[in-house]
Amino acid sequence: MELAEPRILKYNGREYPCCASLTMGIIGGKWKTVILYHLINGKLRYNELRKCMPTVTERTLALQLQALEEDGIILREVFHKKPPLKVEYSLTDLGSTLVPLIQAIANWGDSVAEN
């Protein structure tokens, strides 16, 4: 792999020193990749995501969902038709481009996990 000439990359009003930094800035951290992994198969409501990730705090989940939405990776749909309020999360078209990467990360984790 040949190293590219240093340049500043811009995305969503932020600057990154390289492409790997940009990618990790968007999906890095303990929970963002986990959220994306659970959204691969389709829409989930907030409580469904909480059940998939029982150790995440409500505040952390809400903040991570908000960050992913601001970066255009997930879509938050609010349905006002009748109480109770219904909110669903799904991958955007941009978020769907991350599926092979998220699956590769999950596969790697499976391959090194101790049984």
N, C-alpha and C. Protein backbone atom coordinates (compact mmCIF):
# COMPACT_ATOMS: atom_id res chain seq x y z
N MET A 1 0.84 -1.17 0.00
CA MET A 1 0.00 0.00 0.00
C MET A 1 0.90 1.24 0.00
N GLU A 2 0.63 2.11 -0.90
CA GLU A 2 1.41 3.32 -1.04
C GLU A 2 0.76 4.44 -0.24
N LEU A 3 1.57 5.18 0.50
CA LEU A 3 1.04 6.28 1.28
C LEU A 3 0.71 7.46 0.38
N ALA A 4 -0.45 8.03 0.59
CA ALA A 4 -0.88 9.18 -0.21
C ALA A 4 -0.26 10.45 0.35
N GLU A 5 -0.20 11.43 -0.50
CA GLU A 5 0.29 12.74 -0.08
C GLU A 5 -0.68 13.31 0.95
N PRO A 6 -0.15 13.87 2.05
CA PRO A 6 -1.04 14.40 3.09
C PRO A 6 -1.97 15.49 2.55
N ARG A 7 -3.24 15.38 2.93
CA ARG A 7 -4.22 16.40 2.56
C ARG A 7 -5.32 16.40 3.61
N ILE A 8 -5.97 17.49 3.74
CA ILE A 8 -7.07 17.61 4.69
C ILE A 8 -8.37 17.24 3.99
N LEU A 9 -9.11 16.33 4.59
CA LEU A 9 -10.40 15.92 4.06
C LEU A 9 -11.50 16.59 4.88
N LYS A 10 -12.55 17.01 4.21
CA LYS A 10 -13.66 17.67 4.89
C LYS A 10 -14.92 16.86 4.72
N TYR A 11 -15.67 16.74 5.82
CA TYR A 11 -16.96 16.06 5.78
C TYR A 11 -17.85 16.66 6.86
N ASN A 12 -19.02 17.09 6.46
CA ASN A 12 -20.03 17.57 7.39
C ASN A 12 -19.50 18.70 8.30
N GLY A 13 -18.72 19.58 7.72
CA GLY A 13 -18.21 20.73 8.45
C GLY A 13 -17.00 20.47 9.33
N ARG A 14 -16.46 19.25 9.28
CA ARG A 14 -15.28 18.91 10.09
C ARG A 14 -14.12 18.53 9.17
N GLU A 15 -12.92 18.70 9.67
CA GLU A 15 -11.72 18.38 8.90
C GLU A 15 -11.02 17.16 9.50
N TYR A 16 -10.48 16.33 8.60
CA TYR A 16 -9.79 15.11 9.01
C TYR A 16 -8.44 15.04 8.29
N PRO A 17 -7.40 14.53 8.96
CA PRO A 17 -6.06 14.50 8.35
C PRO A 17 -5.87 13.39 7.33
N CYS A 18 -6.76 12.36 7.33
CA CYS A 18 -6.64 11.28 6.34
C CYS A 18 -7.97 10.56 6.22
N CYS A 19 -8.07 9.70 5.24
CA CYS A 19 -9.33 8.98 4.99
C CYS A 19 -9.69 8.04 6.13
N ALA A 20 -8.70 7.39 6.73
CA ALA A 20 -8.99 6.50 7.86
C ALA A 20 -9.52 7.29 9.05
N SER A 21 -8.98 8.46 9.27
CA SER A 21 -9.44 9.32 10.35
C SER A 21 -10.88 9.76 10.12
N LEU A 22 -11.22 10.08 8.89
CA LEU A 22 -12.60 10.45 8.56
C LEU A 22 -13.54 9.30 8.85
N THR A 23 -13.20 8.10 8.38
CA THR A 23 -14.05 6.94 8.60
C THR A 23 -14.24 6.67 10.09
N MET A 24 -13.15 6.68 10.84
CA MET A 24 -13.25 6.39 12.27
C MET A 24 -13.93 7.53 13.02
N GLY A 25 -13.82 8.74 12.51
CA GLY A 25 -14.53 9.86 13.12
C GLY A 25 -16.03 9.70 13.02
N ILE A 26 -16.49 9.04 11.98
CA ILE A 26 -17.91 8.84 11.77
C ILE A 26 -18.43 7.58 12.47
N ILE A 27 -17.71 6.47 12.36
CA ILE A 27 -18.22 5.21 12.92
C ILE A 27 -17.43 4.71 14.12
N GLY A 28 -16.40 5.44 14.54
CA GLY A 28 -15.57 4.99 15.64
C GLY A 28 -16.26 5.10 16.99
N GLY A 29 -15.62 4.55 17.97
CA GLY A 29 -16.17 4.56 19.31
C GLY A 29 -16.77 3.21 19.64
N LYS A 30 -17.22 3.07 20.87
CA LYS A 30 -17.69 1.78 21.35
C LYS A 30 -19.05 1.38 20.79
N TRP A 31 -19.93 2.33 20.51
CA TRP A 31 -21.31 1.98 20.20
C TRP A 31 -21.78 2.22 18.77
N LYS A 32 -21.18 3.12 18.05
CA LYS A 32 -21.68 3.45 16.71
C LYS A 32 -21.68 2.24 15.78
N THR A 33 -20.59 1.49 15.77
CA THR A 33 -20.51 0.32 14.91
C THR A 33 -21.54 -0.73 15.33
N VAL A 34 -21.78 -0.86 16.63
CA VAL A 34 -22.76 -1.81 17.14
C VAL A 34 -24.16 -1.41 16.67
N ILE A 35 -24.46 -0.13 16.76
CA ILE A 35 -25.76 0.37 16.28
C ILE A 35 -25.93 0.05 14.80
N LEU A 36 -24.91 0.36 14.01
CA LEU A 36 -24.98 0.10 12.57
C LEU A 36 -25.14 -1.39 12.28
N TYR A 37 -24.45 -2.22 13.04
CA TYR A 37 -24.55 -3.68 12.87
C TYR A 37 -26.00 -4.13 13.06
N HIS A 38 -26.67 -3.61 14.06
CA HIS A 38 -28.05 -4.02 14.33
C HIS A 38 -29.04 -3.45 13.32
N LEU A 39 -28.67 -2.38 12.64
CA LEU A 39 -29.56 -1.79 11.63
C LEU A 39 -29.37 -2.37 10.24
N ILE A 40 -28.41 -3.27 10.08
CA ILE A 40 -28.14 -3.86 8.76
C ILE A 40 -29.39 -4.54 8.20
N ASN A 41 -30.13 -5.24 9.05
CA ASN A 41 -31.28 -6.01 8.56
C ASN A 41 -32.57 -5.22 8.47
N GLY A 42 -32.53 -3.94 8.76
CA GLY A 42 -33.73 -3.13 8.61
C GLY A 42 -33.98 -2.19 9.77
N LYS A 43 -35.14 -1.56 9.72
CA LYS A 43 -35.52 -0.55 10.69
C LYS A 43 -35.70 -1.14 12.08
N LEU A 44 -35.32 -0.35 13.09
CA LEU A 44 -35.55 -0.72 14.47
C LEU A 44 -36.03 0.49 15.25
N ARG A 45 -36.89 0.24 16.21
CA ARG A 45 -37.32 1.30 17.11
C ARG A 45 -36.27 1.45 18.20
N TYR A 46 -36.33 2.58 18.91
CA TYR A 46 -35.35 2.88 19.97
C TYR A 46 -35.27 1.73 20.98
N ASN A 47 -36.42 1.28 21.49
CA ASN A 47 -36.42 0.22 22.50
C ASN A 47 -35.90 -1.11 21.96
N GLU A 48 -36.09 -1.36 20.68
CA GLU A 48 -35.54 -2.57 20.08
C GLU A 48 -34.02 -2.50 20.06
N LEU A 49 -33.48 -1.32 19.76
CA LEU A 49 -32.03 -1.14 19.81
C LEU A 49 -31.51 -1.32 21.23
N ARG A 50 -32.23 -0.78 22.21
CA ARG A 50 -31.83 -0.92 23.62
C ARG A 50 -31.77 -2.40 24.01
N LYS A 51 -32.72 -3.19 23.55
CA LYS A 51 -32.72 -4.61 23.88
C LYS A 51 -31.54 -5.34 23.24
N CYS A 52 -31.12 -4.88 22.06
CA CYS A 52 -29.97 -5.47 21.38
C CYS A 52 -28.66 -5.13 22.09
N MET A 53 -28.66 -4.02 22.80
CA MET A 53 -27.45 -3.53 23.47
C MET A 53 -27.76 -3.22 24.93
N PRO A 54 -27.95 -4.24 25.75
CA PRO A 54 -28.42 -4.02 27.12
C PRO A 54 -27.45 -3.26 28.03
N THR A 55 -26.17 -3.19 27.67
CA THR A 55 -25.21 -2.50 28.55
C THR A 55 -25.01 -1.03 28.20
N VAL A 56 -25.60 -0.55 27.12
CA VAL A 56 -25.46 0.86 26.77
C VAL A 56 -26.45 1.68 27.60
N THR A 57 -26.03 2.85 28.03
CA THR A 57 -26.94 3.72 28.77
C THR A 57 -27.87 4.42 27.79
N GLU A 58 -29.02 4.87 28.29
CA GLU A 58 -29.97 5.56 27.42
C GLU A 58 -29.37 6.84 26.87
N ARG A 59 -28.64 7.57 27.70
CA ARG A 59 -28.02 8.82 27.26
C ARG A 59 -27.01 8.56 26.15
N THR A 60 -26.17 7.56 26.34
CA THR A 60 -25.15 7.24 25.33
C THR A 60 -25.80 6.82 24.03
N LEU A 61 -26.80 5.96 24.10
CA LEU A 61 -27.49 5.52 22.88
C LEU A 61 -28.10 6.71 22.16
N ALA A 62 -28.76 7.58 22.89
CA ALA A 62 -29.39 8.75 22.27
C ALA A 62 -28.35 9.65 21.61
N LEU A 63 -27.23 9.87 22.28
CA LEU A 63 -26.17 10.72 21.71
C LEU A 63 -25.55 10.10 20.47
N GLN A 64 -25.31 8.78 20.50
CA GLN A 64 -24.71 8.11 19.35
C GLN A 64 -25.66 8.08 18.16
N LEU A 65 -26.94 7.86 18.42
CA LEU A 65 -27.93 7.90 17.35
C LEU A 65 -27.99 9.30 16.74
N GLN A 66 -27.95 10.31 17.58
CA GLN A 66 -27.99 11.69 17.10
C GLN A 66 -26.77 12.00 16.24
N ALA A 67 -25.59 11.56 16.67
CA ALA A 67 -24.36 11.80 15.90
C ALA A 67 -24.42 11.10 14.54
N LEU A 68 -24.89 9.86 14.52
CA LEU A 68 -25.00 9.13 13.26
C LEU A 68 -26.02 9.77 12.33
N GLU A 69 -27.08 10.31 12.90
CA GLU A 69 -28.08 11.01 12.09
C GLU A 69 -27.50 12.29 11.51
N GLU A 70 -26.78 13.05 12.33
CA GLU A 70 -26.17 14.30 11.86
C GLU A 70 -25.15 14.05 10.75
N ASP A 71 -24.48 12.90 10.80
CA ASP A 71 -23.51 12.56 9.76
C ASP A 71 -24.14 11.93 8.53
N GLY A 72 -25.46 11.78 8.54
CA GLY A 72 -26.15 11.25 7.37
C GLY A 72 -26.04 9.75 7.21
N ILE A 73 -25.71 9.04 8.29
CA ILE A 73 -25.53 7.60 8.23
C ILE A 73 -26.82 6.86 8.55
N ILE A 74 -27.62 7.40 9.45
CA ILE A 74 -28.91 6.79 9.76
C ILE A 74 -30.02 7.82 9.58
N LEU A 75 -31.22 7.29 9.40
CA LEU A 75 -32.41 8.12 9.26
C LEU A 75 -33.30 7.89 10.47
N ARG A 76 -33.78 8.96 11.05
CA ARG A 76 -34.70 8.90 12.18
C ARG A 76 -36.07 9.33 11.67
N GLU A 77 -37.02 8.41 11.70
CA GLU A 77 -38.38 8.70 11.25
C GLU A 77 -39.30 8.74 12.46
N VAL A 78 -40.04 9.85 12.59
CA VAL A 78 -40.99 10.02 13.68
C VAL A 78 -42.40 9.92 13.10
N PHE A 79 -43.22 9.06 13.70
CA PHE A 79 -44.59 8.87 13.27
C PHE A 79 -45.52 9.48 14.31
N HIS A 80 -46.33 10.46 13.88
CA HIS A 80 -47.20 11.19 14.80
C HIS A 80 -48.66 10.77 14.71
N LYS A 81 -48.97 9.76 13.94
CA LYS A 81 -50.37 9.41 13.65
C LYS A 81 -51.21 9.22 14.91
N LYS A 82 -50.74 8.40 15.83
CA LYS A 82 -51.50 8.18 17.06
C LYS A 82 -50.53 7.91 18.20
N PRO A 83 -50.93 8.24 19.42
CA PRO A 83 -50.06 7.94 20.56
C PRO A 83 -49.96 6.43 20.74
N PRO A 84 -48.90 5.89 21.25
CA PRO A 84 -47.68 6.61 21.63
C PRO A 84 -46.83 6.96 20.40
N LEU A 85 -46.01 7.96 20.57
CA LEU A 85 -45.12 8.41 19.51
C LEU A 85 -44.23 7.25 19.08
N LYS A 86 -44.06 7.09 17.79
CA LYS A 86 -43.25 5.99 17.26
C LYS A 86 -42.06 6.58 16.52
N VAL A 87 -40.86 6.10 16.84
CA VAL A 87 -39.63 6.54 16.18
C VAL A 87 -38.89 5.30 15.68
N GLU A 88 -38.52 5.31 14.41
CA GLU A 88 -37.77 4.22 13.82
C GLU A 88 -36.44 4.73 13.28
N TYR A 89 -35.42 3.89 13.38
CA TYR A 89 -34.10 4.21 12.85
C TYR A 89 -33.76 3.22 11.75
N SER A 90 -33.13 3.72 10.69
CA SER A 90 -32.70 2.87 9.59
C SER A 90 -31.46 3.47 8.96
N LEU A 91 -30.78 2.67 8.15
CA LEU A 91 -29.60 3.15 7.44
C LEU A 91 -30.04 4.00 6.25
N THR A 92 -29.32 5.08 6.01
CA THR A 92 -29.54 5.87 4.80
C THR A 92 -28.80 5.17 3.66
N ASP A 93 -28.91 5.71 2.46
CA ASP A 93 -28.14 5.15 1.33
C ASP A 93 -26.65 5.22 1.63
N LEU A 94 -26.21 6.35 2.21
CA LEU A 94 -24.79 6.49 2.59
C LEU A 94 -24.44 5.47 3.66
N GLY A 95 -25.31 5.31 4.64
CA GLY A 95 -25.07 4.33 5.70
C GLY A 95 -24.99 2.91 5.16
N SER A 96 -25.78 2.62 4.15
CA SER A 96 -25.77 1.27 3.54
C SER A 96 -24.43 0.96 2.89
N THR A 97 -23.68 1.98 2.47
CA THR A 97 -22.36 1.73 1.88
C THR A 97 -21.38 1.21 2.92
N LEU A 98 -21.71 1.35 4.20
CA LEU A 98 -20.84 0.86 5.28
C LEU A 98 -21.09 -0.61 5.62
N VAL A 99 -22.15 -1.20 5.08
CA VAL A 99 -22.51 -2.58 5.43
C VAL A 99 -21.35 -3.56 5.22
N PRO A 100 -20.66 -3.56 4.08
CA PRO A 100 -19.53 -4.50 3.93
C PRO A 100 -18.45 -4.29 4.99
N LEU A 101 -18.19 -3.06 5.34
CA LEU A 101 -17.19 -2.76 6.36
C LEU A 101 -17.64 -3.26 7.73
N ILE A 102 -18.89 -3.01 8.09
CA ILE A 102 -19.43 -3.45 9.38
C ILE A 102 -19.46 -4.98 9.44
N GLN A 103 -19.84 -5.62 8.34
CA GLN A 103 -19.85 -7.08 8.33
C GLN A 103 -18.44 -7.65 8.46
N ALA A 104 -17.47 -7.00 7.82
CA ALA A 104 -16.07 -7.45 7.93
C ALA A 104 -15.58 -7.31 9.37
N ILE A 105 -15.94 -6.22 10.03
CA ILE A 105 -15.57 -6.02 11.43
C ILE A 105 -16.20 -7.11 12.30
N ALA A 106 -17.49 -7.40 12.07
CA ALA A 106 -18.18 -8.43 12.83
C ALA A 106 -17.57 -9.81 12.58
N ASN A 107 -17.26 -10.11 11.33
CA ASN A 107 -16.64 -11.40 10.99
C ASN A 107 -15.29 -11.56 11.65
N TRP A 108 -14.51 -10.50 11.69
CA TRP A 108 -13.21 -10.55 12.34
C TRP A 108 -13.38 -10.83 13.82
N GLY A 109 -14.34 -10.15 14.45
CA GLY A 109 -14.61 -10.39 15.87
C GLY A 109 -15.00 -11.84 16.13
N ASP A 110 -15.85 -12.40 15.26
CA ASP A 110 -16.23 -13.81 15.40
C ASP A 110 -15.01 -14.72 15.28
N SER A 111 -14.10 -14.40 14.38
CA SER A 111 -12.96 -15.28 14.12
C SER A 111 -11.94 -15.27 15.26
N VAL A 112 -11.87 -14.21 16.03
CA VAL A 112 -10.88 -14.15 17.12
C VAL A 112 -11.49 -14.38 18.49
N ALA A 113 -12.81 -14.48 18.54
CA ALA A 113 -13.49 -14.67 19.84
C ALA A 113 -13.13 -16.03 20.41
N GLU A 114 -12.91 -16.05 21.72
CA GLU A 114 -12.64 -17.30 22.42
C GLU A 114 -13.97 -17.96 22.75
N ASN A 115 -14.07 -19.22 22.39
CA ASN A 115 -15.33 -19.94 22.66
C ASN A 115 -15.26 -20.73 23.93
